[in-house]
Every structure is written in structure tokens, then in C-alpha cells.
């Protein structure tokens, strides 16, 4: 399983847990649905940025190669 899929599965478990907790606290179903949709969007965005492939030439921000000579 890729790290993207693993991240999404974990985030979905979190969303389900929060939705169940909101239901137990008598939050209206409409607001639970809105929260689930918003959190799912945040989960996809953060999973994409966290598991984004790095460019093979760059080692990270601020890294420089020493000058030849």
C-alpha cells in the first residue's frame, strides 16, 4: 500500500470517529455531513502534499552544491 493510501485510510478513520462523536453529541446530521466533506477535502490535500514525490535533483530547501574549482 502506498504512503498516500495509508495516509488517506488513517484520515478516514479519524473522520469516522469524529462523525460518530458528533452524532453522540446530538449535532444535526446536516452539519455532520458538512464536516465530513470538509475534512475529506483537507485529508486529500494534505495527503497529496505530504506524499508528493521530490525532484531527484533537489535535496531540500536551502541545500546547495559546492562550487567546482
N, C-alpha and C. Protein backbone atom coordinates (compact mmCIF):
# COMPACT_ATOMS: atom_id res chain seq x y z
N UNK A 1 0.86 -1.18 0.00
CA UNK A 1 0.00 0.00 0.00
C UNK A 1 0.90 1.23 0.00
N UNK A 2 0.58 2.19 -0.84
CA UNK A 2 1.40 3.39 -0.93
C UNK A 2 1.20 4.27 0.30
N UNK A 3 2.15 5.18 0.49
CA UNK A 3 2.04 6.07 1.65
C UNK A 3 0.84 7.00 1.50
N UNK A 4 0.47 7.33 0.25
CA UNK A 4 -0.72 8.15 0.03
C UNK A 4 -1.97 7.43 0.51
N UNK A 5 -2.11 6.15 0.14
CA UNK A 5 -3.29 5.37 0.54
C UNK A 5 -3.31 5.17 2.05
N UNK A 6 -2.15 4.92 2.65
CA UNK A 6 -2.08 4.73 4.09
C UNK A 6 -2.50 6.01 4.82
N UNK A 7 -2.05 7.14 4.33
CA UNK A 7 -2.42 8.42 4.94
C UNK A 7 -3.93 8.64 4.84
N UNK A 8 -4.50 8.34 3.66
CA UNK A 8 -5.94 8.54 3.49
C UNK A 8 -6.76 7.60 4.37
N UNK A 9 -6.32 6.35 4.51
CA UNK A 9 -7.05 5.40 5.37
C UNK A 9 -7.04 5.90 6.81
N UNK A 10 -5.89 6.36 7.27
CA UNK A 10 -5.82 6.91 8.63
C UNK A 10 -6.70 8.12 8.81
N UNK A 11 -6.72 8.99 7.81
CA UNK A 11 -7.54 10.19 7.89
C UNK A 11 -9.03 9.84 7.85
N UNK A 12 -9.39 8.83 7.06
CA UNK A 12 -10.80 8.40 7.03
C UNK A 12 -11.24 7.82 8.36
N UNK A 13 -10.36 7.09 9.03
CA UNK A 13 -10.68 6.57 10.36
C UNK A 13 -10.91 7.73 11.33
N UNK A 14 -10.08 8.75 11.24
CA UNK A 14 -10.27 9.94 12.07
C UNK A 14 -11.61 10.61 11.78
N UNK A 15 -11.96 10.76 10.51
CA UNK A 15 -13.22 11.40 10.14
C UNK A 15 -14.41 10.61 10.67
N UNK A 16 -14.36 9.28 10.53
CA UNK A 16 -15.47 8.46 11.03
C UNK A 16 -15.61 8.60 12.54
N UNK A 17 -14.49 8.60 13.23
CA UNK A 17 -14.54 8.77 14.69
C UNK A 17 -15.13 10.10 15.10
N UNK A 18 -14.73 11.16 14.40
CA UNK A 18 -15.29 12.48 14.72
C UNK A 18 -16.77 12.57 14.38
N UNK A 19 -17.19 11.93 13.29
CA UNK A 19 -18.61 11.94 12.92
C UNK A 19 -19.44 11.19 13.95
N UNK A 20 -18.93 10.07 14.44
CA UNK A 20 -19.65 9.32 15.48
C UNK A 20 -19.75 10.14 16.76
N UNK A 21 -18.66 10.79 17.14
CA UNK A 21 -18.68 11.63 18.34
C UNK A 21 -19.67 12.78 18.20
N UNK A 22 -19.71 13.39 17.01
CA UNK A 22 -20.66 14.48 16.78
C UNK A 22 -22.10 13.97 16.86
N UNK A 23 -22.33 12.77 16.34
CA UNK A 23 -23.68 12.17 16.41
C UNK A 23 -24.08 11.92 17.86
N UNK A 24 -23.14 11.42 18.65
CA UNK A 24 -23.43 11.17 20.07
C UNK A 24 -23.67 12.46 20.84
N UNK A 25 -23.12 13.56 20.35
CA UNK A 25 -23.35 14.87 20.99
C UNK A 25 -24.58 15.58 20.43
N UNK A 26 -25.37 14.86 19.63
CA UNK A 26 -26.63 15.38 19.07
C UNK A 26 -26.42 16.57 18.13
N UNK A 27 -25.33 16.55 17.38
CA UNK A 27 -25.11 17.56 16.35
C UNK A 27 -26.03 17.20 15.18
N UNK A 28 -26.70 18.16 14.57
CA UNK A 28 -27.58 17.86 13.43
C UNK A 28 -26.82 17.16 12.29
N UNK A 29 -27.51 16.22 11.64
CA UNK A 29 -26.89 15.42 10.58
C UNK A 29 -26.36 16.27 9.44
N UNK A 30 -27.02 17.38 9.14
CA UNK A 30 -26.56 18.26 8.07
C UNK A 30 -25.16 18.78 8.37
N UNK A 31 -24.91 19.19 9.60
CA UNK A 31 -23.59 19.72 9.97
C UNK A 31 -22.54 18.63 10.03
N UNK A 32 -22.94 17.43 10.39
CA UNK A 32 -22.01 16.30 10.37
C UNK A 32 -21.57 16.03 8.93
N UNK A 33 -22.52 16.06 7.99
CA UNK A 33 -22.19 15.84 6.58
C UNK A 33 -21.25 16.93 6.06
N UNK A 34 -21.52 18.17 6.43
CA UNK A 34 -20.65 19.27 6.01
C UNK A 34 -19.25 19.07 6.57
N UNK A 35 -19.14 18.71 7.82
CA UNK A 35 -17.84 18.47 8.44
C UNK A 35 -17.08 17.33 7.79
N UNK A 36 -17.80 16.26 7.45
CA UNK A 36 -17.16 15.12 6.79
C UNK A 36 -16.62 15.53 5.42
N UNK A 37 -17.39 16.29 4.67
CA UNK A 37 -16.95 16.72 3.34
C UNK A 37 -15.73 17.63 3.44
N UNK A 38 -15.76 18.56 4.36
CA UNK A 38 -14.63 19.48 4.53
C UNK A 38 -13.39 18.73 4.98
N UNK A 39 -13.53 17.83 5.95
CA UNK A 39 -12.38 17.07 6.42
C UNK A 39 -11.84 16.13 5.35
N UNK A 40 -12.70 15.57 4.54
CA UNK A 40 -12.23 14.71 3.45
C UNK A 40 -11.40 15.52 2.46
N UNK A 41 -11.83 16.73 2.15
CA UNK A 41 -11.06 17.60 1.27
C UNK A 41 -9.71 17.96 1.86
N UNK A 42 -9.70 18.29 3.15
CA UNK A 42 -8.44 18.60 3.82
C UNK A 42 -7.52 17.37 3.82
N UNK A 43 -8.11 16.20 4.01
CA UNK A 43 -7.31 14.97 4.01
C UNK A 43 -6.65 14.70 2.68
N UNK A 44 -7.38 14.89 1.59
CA UNK A 44 -6.81 14.67 0.26
C UNK A 44 -5.70 15.69 -0.01
N UNK A 45 -5.95 16.95 0.33
CA UNK A 45 -4.93 17.99 0.10
C UNK A 45 -3.66 17.72 0.91
N UNK A 46 -3.82 17.38 2.18
CA UNK A 46 -2.63 17.16 3.00
C UNK A 46 -1.93 15.86 2.62
N UNK A 47 -2.67 14.83 2.22
CA UNK A 47 -2.03 13.59 1.78
C UNK A 47 -1.24 13.82 0.50
N UNK A 48 -1.77 14.65 -0.37
CA UNK A 48 -1.07 14.95 -1.62
C UNK A 48 0.22 15.70 -1.36
N UNK A 49 0.18 16.69 -0.49
CA UNK A 49 1.38 17.47 -0.23
C UNK A 49 2.41 16.69 0.58
N UNK A 50 1.98 15.84 1.50
CA UNK A 50 2.92 15.08 2.32
C UNK A 50 3.57 13.94 1.57
N UNK A 51 2.90 13.38 0.60
CA UNK A 51 3.45 12.24 -0.11
C UNK A 51 3.90 12.62 -1.52
N UNK A 52 4.02 13.90 -1.78
CA UNK A 52 4.45 14.37 -3.10
C UNK A 52 5.87 13.91 -3.38
N UNK A 53 6.09 13.43 -4.60
CA UNK A 53 7.43 12.98 -4.98
C UNK A 53 8.36 14.18 -5.09
N UNK A 54 9.55 14.05 -4.53
CA UNK A 54 10.55 15.12 -4.60
C UNK A 54 11.28 15.04 -5.94
N UNK A 55 11.74 16.18 -6.41
CA UNK A 55 12.55 16.20 -7.62
C UNK A 55 13.87 15.48 -7.35
N UNK A 56 14.33 14.63 -8.25
CA UNK A 56 15.56 13.90 -7.99
C UNK A 56 16.78 14.79 -7.86
N UNK A 57 16.77 15.97 -8.47
CA UNK A 57 17.92 16.85 -8.41
C UNK A 57 18.00 17.68 -7.14
N UNK A 58 16.90 17.90 -6.47
CA UNK A 58 16.91 18.75 -5.29
C UNK A 58 16.88 17.90 -4.03
N UNK A 59 17.67 18.33 -3.04
CA UNK A 59 17.74 17.60 -1.78
C UNK A 59 16.93 18.28 -0.69
N UNK A 60 16.39 19.41 -0.97
CA UNK A 60 15.58 20.11 0.01
C UNK A 60 15.83 21.60 -0.07
N UNK A 61 15.03 22.36 0.68
CA UNK A 61 15.19 23.81 0.62
C UNK A 61 16.51 24.23 1.28
N UNK A 62 17.21 25.14 0.63
CA UNK A 62 18.43 25.68 1.21
C UNK A 62 19.67 24.84 0.95
N UNK A 63 19.54 23.70 0.31
CA UNK A 63 20.72 22.88 0.06
C UNK A 63 21.42 23.37 -1.20
N UNK A 64 22.72 23.49 -1.13
CA UNK A 64 23.49 23.96 -2.26
C UNK A 64 24.64 22.98 -2.52
N UNK A 65 25.04 22.93 -3.74
CA UNK A 65 26.20 22.12 -4.08
C UNK A 65 27.41 23.02 -4.06
N UNK A 66 28.55 22.51 -3.58
CA UNK A 66 29.74 23.35 -3.53
C UNK A 66 30.24 23.68 -4.93
N UNK A 67 30.80 24.87 -5.13
CA UNK A 67 31.28 25.25 -6.46
C UNK A 67 32.50 24.42 -6.85
N UNK A 68 32.59 24.14 -8.14
CA UNK A 68 33.75 23.39 -8.64
C UNK A 68 34.95 24.33 -8.76
N UNK A 69 36.12 23.85 -8.33
CA UNK A 69 37.29 24.65 -8.55
C UNK A 69 38.06 24.95 -7.39
